[in-house]
Amino acid sequence: MLTKYGKVVRLVKPTRRSLSHTLSLTASPDDLLRAQIAGGDLDAAAATLLQFSTTRPLPISSLHLVFSSLSNCDHFHSAITLYNSLSKSPAFTPDLITFNIVLKCYSLARRSDLARCLFDEMRFRNIKPDTVSFNTLVKMLVQ
């Protein structure tokens, strides 16, 4: 406790929620997502991305940031769920990198059936698979 102008002032440690709320009012989507990911709260980052998707177009950098963080931390089921939720939105426009990350998640989850469907979706959206896409798919199919 501190005293200020003769009054006792209690210092309050900010919570993760209060920091996120403060950042959400002042920061860019990427800044908020980076803060949540740095704090280890990947679920909050995924929820924030979903929330942003309902109010504005998502920056592709935000998609890459959250999907790669989920994938790298072995939260591939969360990444798959997030992709499925976002894909229902007409404003969702994944690019090749997003598809490659989700393909990797399907591979890690051993869901070759869904990976092939995602591969077909890439072609439907006129996104040309690259070497990473093909290598991920082939590696998964030979396991």
C-alpha atoms as a PDB file:
ATOM      1  CA  MET A   1       0.000   0.000   0.000  1.00  0.00           C
ATOM      2  CA  LEU A   2       1.087   3.496  -0.765  1.00  0.00           C
ATOM      3  CA  THR A   3      -0.089   6.793   0.533  1.00  0.00           C
ATOM      4  CA  LYS A   4      -0.960   9.560  -1.855  1.00  0.00           C
ATOM      5  CA  TYR A   5      -2.149  12.946  -0.673  1.00  0.00           C
ATOM      6  CA  GLY A   6      -2.783  11.500   2.770  1.00  0.00           C
ATOM      7  CA  LYS A   7      -4.952   8.650   1.430  1.00  0.00           C
ATOM      8  CA  VAL A   8      -4.068   4.971   1.435  1.00  0.00           C
ATOM      9  CA  VAL A   9      -3.872   3.568  -2.081  1.00  0.00           C
ATOM     10  CA  ARG A  10      -3.879  -0.174  -2.712  1.00  0.00           C
ATOM     11  CA  LEU A  11      -1.805  -1.408  -5.618  1.00  0.00           C
ATOM     12  CA  VAL A  12      -3.628  -3.989  -7.673  1.00  0.00           C
ATOM     13  CA  LYS A  13      -1.755  -6.444  -9.818  1.00  0.00           C
ATOM     14  CA  PRO A  14      -3.314  -6.440 -13.291  1.00  0.00           C
ATOM     15  CA  THR A  15      -4.887  -9.700 -14.331  1.00  0.00           C
ATOM     16  CA  ARG A  16      -4.530 -11.322 -17.729  1.00  0.00           C
ATOM     17  CA  ARG A  17      -8.132 -10.341 -18.492  1.00  0.00           C
ATOM     18  CA  SER A  18      -7.649  -6.686 -17.580  1.00  0.00           C
ATOM     19  CA  LEU A  19      -4.479  -6.497 -19.674  1.00  0.00           C
ATOM     20  CA  SER A  20      -6.241  -8.080 -22.643  1.00  0.00           C
ATOM     21  CA  HIS A  21      -9.166  -5.689 -22.268  1.00  0.00           C
ATOM     22  CA  THR A  22      -6.844  -2.676 -22.103  1.00  0.00           C
ATOM     23  CA  LEU A  23      -4.874  -3.869 -25.115  1.00  0.00           C
ATOM     24  CA  SER A  24      -8.041  -4.589 -27.080  1.00  0.00           C
ATOM     25  CA  LEU A  25      -9.065  -0.943 -26.733  1.00  0.00           C
ATOM     26  CA  THR A  26      -5.748   0.526 -27.829  1.00  0.00           C
ATOM     27  CA  ALA A  27      -3.692  -1.986 -29.797  1.00  0.00           C
ATOM     28  CA  SER A  28      -3.789  -3.567 -33.213  1.00  0.00           C
ATOM     29  CA  PRO A  29      -5.105  -7.132 -33.501  1.00  0.00           C
ATOM     30  CA  ASP A  30      -1.550  -8.440 -33.939  1.00  0.00           C
ATOM     31  CA  ASP A  31      -0.353  -6.670 -30.772  1.00  0.00           C
ATOM     32  CA  LEU A  32      -3.172  -8.139 -28.715  1.00  0.00           C
ATOM     33  CA  LEU A  33      -2.628 -11.627 -30.144  1.00  0.00           C
ATOM     34  CA  ARG A  34       1.143 -11.425 -29.564  1.00  0.00           C
ATOM     35  CA  ALA A  35       0.545 -10.428 -25.927  1.00  0.00           C
ATOM     36  CA  GLN A  36      -1.824 -13.344 -25.396  1.00  0.00           C
ATOM     37  CA  ILE A  37       0.532 -15.816 -27.067  1.00  0.00           C
ATOM     38  CA  ALA A  38       3.548 -14.488 -25.153  1.00  0.00           C
ATOM     39  CA  GLY A  39       1.548 -14.969 -21.957  1.00  0.00           C
ATOM     40  CA  GLY A  40       0.922 -18.583 -22.942  1.00  0.00           C
ATOM     41  CA  ASP A  41      -2.816 -18.123 -23.372  1.00  0.00           C
ATOM     42  CA  LEU A  42      -3.328 -19.720 -26.780  1.00  0.00           C
ATOM     43  CA  ASP A  43      -7.024 -20.348 -26.124  1.00  0.00           C
ATOM     44  CA  ALA A  44      -7.554 -16.637 -25.509  1.00  0.00           C
ATOM     45  CA  ALA A  45      -5.673 -15.830 -28.722  1.00  0.00           C
ATOM     46  CA  ALA A  46      -7.910 -18.201 -30.683  1.00  0.00           C
ATOM     47  CA  ALA A  47     -11.018 -16.700 -29.072  1.00  0.00           C
ATOM     48  CA  THR A  48      -9.791 -13.189 -29.854  1.00  0.00           C
ATOM     49  CA  LEU A  49      -9.212 -14.138 -33.479  1.00  0.00           C
ATOM     50  CA  LEU A  50     -12.749 -15.521 -33.684  1.00  0.00           C
ATOM     51  CA  GLN A  51     -14.122 -12.363 -32.101  1.00  0.00           C
ATOM     52  CA  PHE A  52     -12.220 -10.151 -34.550  1.00  0.00           C
ATOM     53  CA  SER A  53     -13.513 -12.225 -37.468  1.00  0.00           C
ATOM     54  CA  THR A  54     -17.091 -11.215 -36.665  1.00  0.00           C
ATOM     55  CA  THR A  55     -16.387  -7.485 -36.635  1.00  0.00           C
ATOM     56  CA  ARG A  56     -13.718  -6.880 -39.285  1.00  0.00           C
ATOM     57  CA  PRO A  57     -11.649  -8.589 -41.964  1.00  0.00           C
ATOM     58  CA  LEU A  58      -8.767 -10.503 -40.422  1.00  0.00           C
ATOM     59  CA  PRO A  59      -5.231  -9.448 -41.287  1.00  0.00           C
ATOM     60  CA  ILE A  60      -3.424 -12.416 -42.798  1.00  0.00           C
ATOM     61  CA  SER A  61      -0.570 -11.831 -40.349  1.00  0.00           C
ATOM     62  CA  SER A  62      -2.982 -12.477 -37.469  1.00  0.00           C
ATOM     63  CA  LEU A  63      -4.069 -15.772 -39.018  1.00  0.00           C
ATOM     64  CA  HIS A  64      -0.472 -16.888 -39.467  1.00  0.00           C
ATOM     65  CA  LEU A  65       0.463 -15.829 -35.952  1.00  0.00           C
ATOM     66  CA  VAL A  66      -2.292 -17.764 -34.202  1.00  0.00           C
ATOM     67  CA  PHE A  67      -2.285 -20.852 -36.439  1.00  0.00           C
ATOM     68  CA  SER A  68       1.507 -21.242 -36.319  1.00  0.00           C
ATOM     69  CA  SER A  69       1.559 -20.743 -32.534  1.00  0.00           C
ATOM     70  CA  LEU A  70      -1.119 -23.397 -32.040  1.00  0.00           C
ATOM     71  CA  SER A  71       0.671 -25.767 -34.389  1.00  0.00           C
ATOM     72  CA  ASN A  72       4.115 -25.238 -32.849  1.00  0.00           C
ATOM     73  CA  CYS A  73       2.762 -25.845 -29.337  1.00  0.00           C
ATOM     74  CA  ASP A  74       1.063 -29.114 -30.380  1.00  0.00           C
ATOM     75  CA  HIS A  75      -2.420 -27.635 -30.056  1.00  0.00           C
ATOM     76  CA  PHE A  76      -3.271 -28.907 -33.515  1.00  0.00           C
ATOM     77  CA  HIS A  77      -6.813 -29.913 -32.522  1.00  0.00           C
ATOM     78  CA  SER A  78      -7.445 -26.315 -31.447  1.00  0.00           C
ATOM     79  CA  ALA A  79      -6.030 -25.065 -34.750  1.00  0.00           C
ATOM     80  CA  ILE A  80      -8.310 -27.412 -36.684  1.00  0.00           C
ATOM     81  CA  THR A  81     -11.347 -26.321 -34.665  1.00  0.00           C
ATOM     82  CA  LEU A  82     -10.427 -22.672 -35.179  1.00  0.00           C
ATOM     83  CA  TYR A  83     -10.023 -23.198 -38.928  1.00  0.00           C
ATOM     84  CA  ASN A  84     -13.423 -24.904 -39.138  1.00  0.00           C
ATOM     85  CA  SER A  85     -15.065 -22.042 -37.220  1.00  0.00           C
ATOM     86  CA  LEU A  86     -13.413 -19.342 -39.312  1.00  0.00           C
ATOM     87  CA  SER A  87     -14.135 -21.073 -42.625  1.00  0.00           C
ATOM     88  CA  LYS A  88     -17.870 -20.514 -42.053  1.00  0.00           C
ATOM     89  CA  SER A  89     -17.326 -16.767 -42.375  1.00  0.00           C
ATOM     90  CA  PRO A  90     -17.477 -15.291 -45.885  1.00  0.00           C
ATOM     91  CA  ALA A  91     -14.798 -12.758 -44.896  1.00  0.00           C
ATOM     92  CA  PHE A  92     -12.291 -15.544 -44.147  1.00  0.00           C
ATOM     93  CA  THR A  93      -9.675 -15.658 -46.903  1.00  0.00           C
ATOM     94  CA  PRO A  94      -6.870 -18.066 -46.072  1.00  0.00           C
ATOM     95  CA  ASP A  95      -3.727 -18.034 -48.170  1.00  0.00           C
ATOM     96  CA  LEU A  96      -1.192 -20.720 -49.033  1.00  0.00           C
ATOM     97  CA  ILE A  97       0.679 -20.367 -45.727  1.00  0.00           C
ATOM     98  CA  THR A  98      -2.536 -20.740 -43.725  1.00  0.00           C
ATOM     99  CA  PHE A  99      -3.469 -23.860 -45.676  1.00  0.00           C
ATOM    100  CA  ASN A 100       0.021 -25.327 -45.178  1.00  0.00           C
ATOM    101  CA  ILE A 101      -0.170 -24.780 -41.416  1.00  0.00           C
ATOM    102  CA  VAL A 102      -3.594 -26.422 -41.219  1.00  0.00           C
ATOM    103  CA  LEU A 103      -2.362 -29.301 -43.424  1.00  0.00           C
ATOM    104  CA  LYS A 104       0.470 -29.800 -40.940  1.00  0.00           C
ATOM    105  CA  CYS A 105      -2.078 -29.860 -38.097  1.00  0.00           C
ATOM    106  CA  TYR A 106      -4.146 -32.508 -39.899  1.00  0.00           C
ATOM    107  CA  SER A 107      -0.954 -34.490 -40.400  1.00  0.00           C
ATOM    108  CA  LEU A 108      -0.053 -34.296 -36.706  1.00  0.00           C
ATOM    109  CA  ALA A 109      -3.604 -35.280 -35.776  1.00  0.00           C
ATOM    110  CA  ARG A 110      -3.337 -38.209 -38.225  1.00  0.00           C
ATOM    111  CA  ARG A 111      -6.414 -37.076 -40.150  1.00  0.00           C
ATOM    112  CA  SER A 112      -5.420 -37.822 -43.738  1.00  0.00           C
ATOM    113  CA  ASP A 113      -9.076 -37.869 -44.813  1.00  0.00           C
ATOM    114  CA  LEU A 114      -9.549 -34.253 -43.723  1.00  0.00           C
ATOM    115  CA  ALA A 115      -6.179 -33.250 -45.139  1.00  0.00           C
ATOM    116  CA  ARG A 116      -7.242 -34.474 -48.566  1.00  0.00           C
ATOM    117  CA  CYS A 117     -10.478 -32.483 -48.254  1.00  0.00           C
ATOM    118  CA  LEU A 118      -8.455 -29.396 -47.313  1.00  0.00           C
ATOM    119  CA  PHE A 119      -6.186 -30.018 -50.286  1.00  0.00           C
ATOM    120  CA  ASP A 120      -9.280 -30.064 -52.527  1.00  0.00           C
ATOM    121  CA  GLU A 121     -10.479 -26.834 -50.901  1.00  0.00           C
ATOM    122  CA  MET A 122      -7.152 -25.211 -51.765  1.00  0.00           C
ATOM    123  CA  ARG A 123      -7.658 -26.057 -55.418  1.00  0.00           C
ATOM    124  CA  PHE A 124     -11.307 -24.925 -55.255  1.00  0.00           C
ATOM    125  CA  ARG A 125     -10.137 -21.525 -53.944  1.00  0.00           C
ATOM    126  CA  ASN A 126      -7.564 -21.355 -56.779  1.00  0.00           C
ATOM    127  CA  ILE A 127      -4.634 -21.558 -54.381  1.00  0.00           C
ATOM    128  CA  LYS A 128      -1.838 -23.461 -56.005  1.00  0.00           C
ATOM    129  CA  PRO A 129      -0.219 -25.986 -53.626  1.00  0.00           C
ATOM    130  CA  ASP A 130       3.547 -25.664 -53.290  1.00  0.00           C
ATOM    131  CA  THR A 131       6.324 -28.058 -52.323  1.00  0.00           C
ATOM    132  CA  VAL A 132       5.465 -27.737 -48.629  1.00  0.00           C
ATOM    133  CA  SER A 133       1.837 -28.678 -49.336  1.00  0.00           C
ATOM    134  CA  PHE A 134       2.763 -31.741 -51.369  1.00  0.00           C
ATOM    135  CA  ASN A 135       5.490 -32.867 -48.958  1.00  0.00           C
ATOM    136  CA  THR A 136       3.126 -32.594 -45.977  1.00  0.00           C
ATOM    137  CA  LEU A 137       0.439 -34.572 -47.763  1.00  0.00           C
ATOM    138  CA  VAL A 138       2.806 -37.294 -49.033  1.00  0.00           C
ATOM    139  CA  LYS A 139       4.554 -37.610 -45.664  1.00  0.00           C
ATOM    140  CA  MET A 140       1.205 -38.069 -43.965  1.00  0.00           C
ATOM    141  CA  LEU A 141       0.000 -40.676 -46.458  1.00  0.00           C
ATOM    142  CA  VAL A 142       3.114 -42.868 -46.088  1.00  0.00           C
ATOM    143  CA  GLN A 143       2.922 -42.969 -42.274  1.00  0.00           C
END
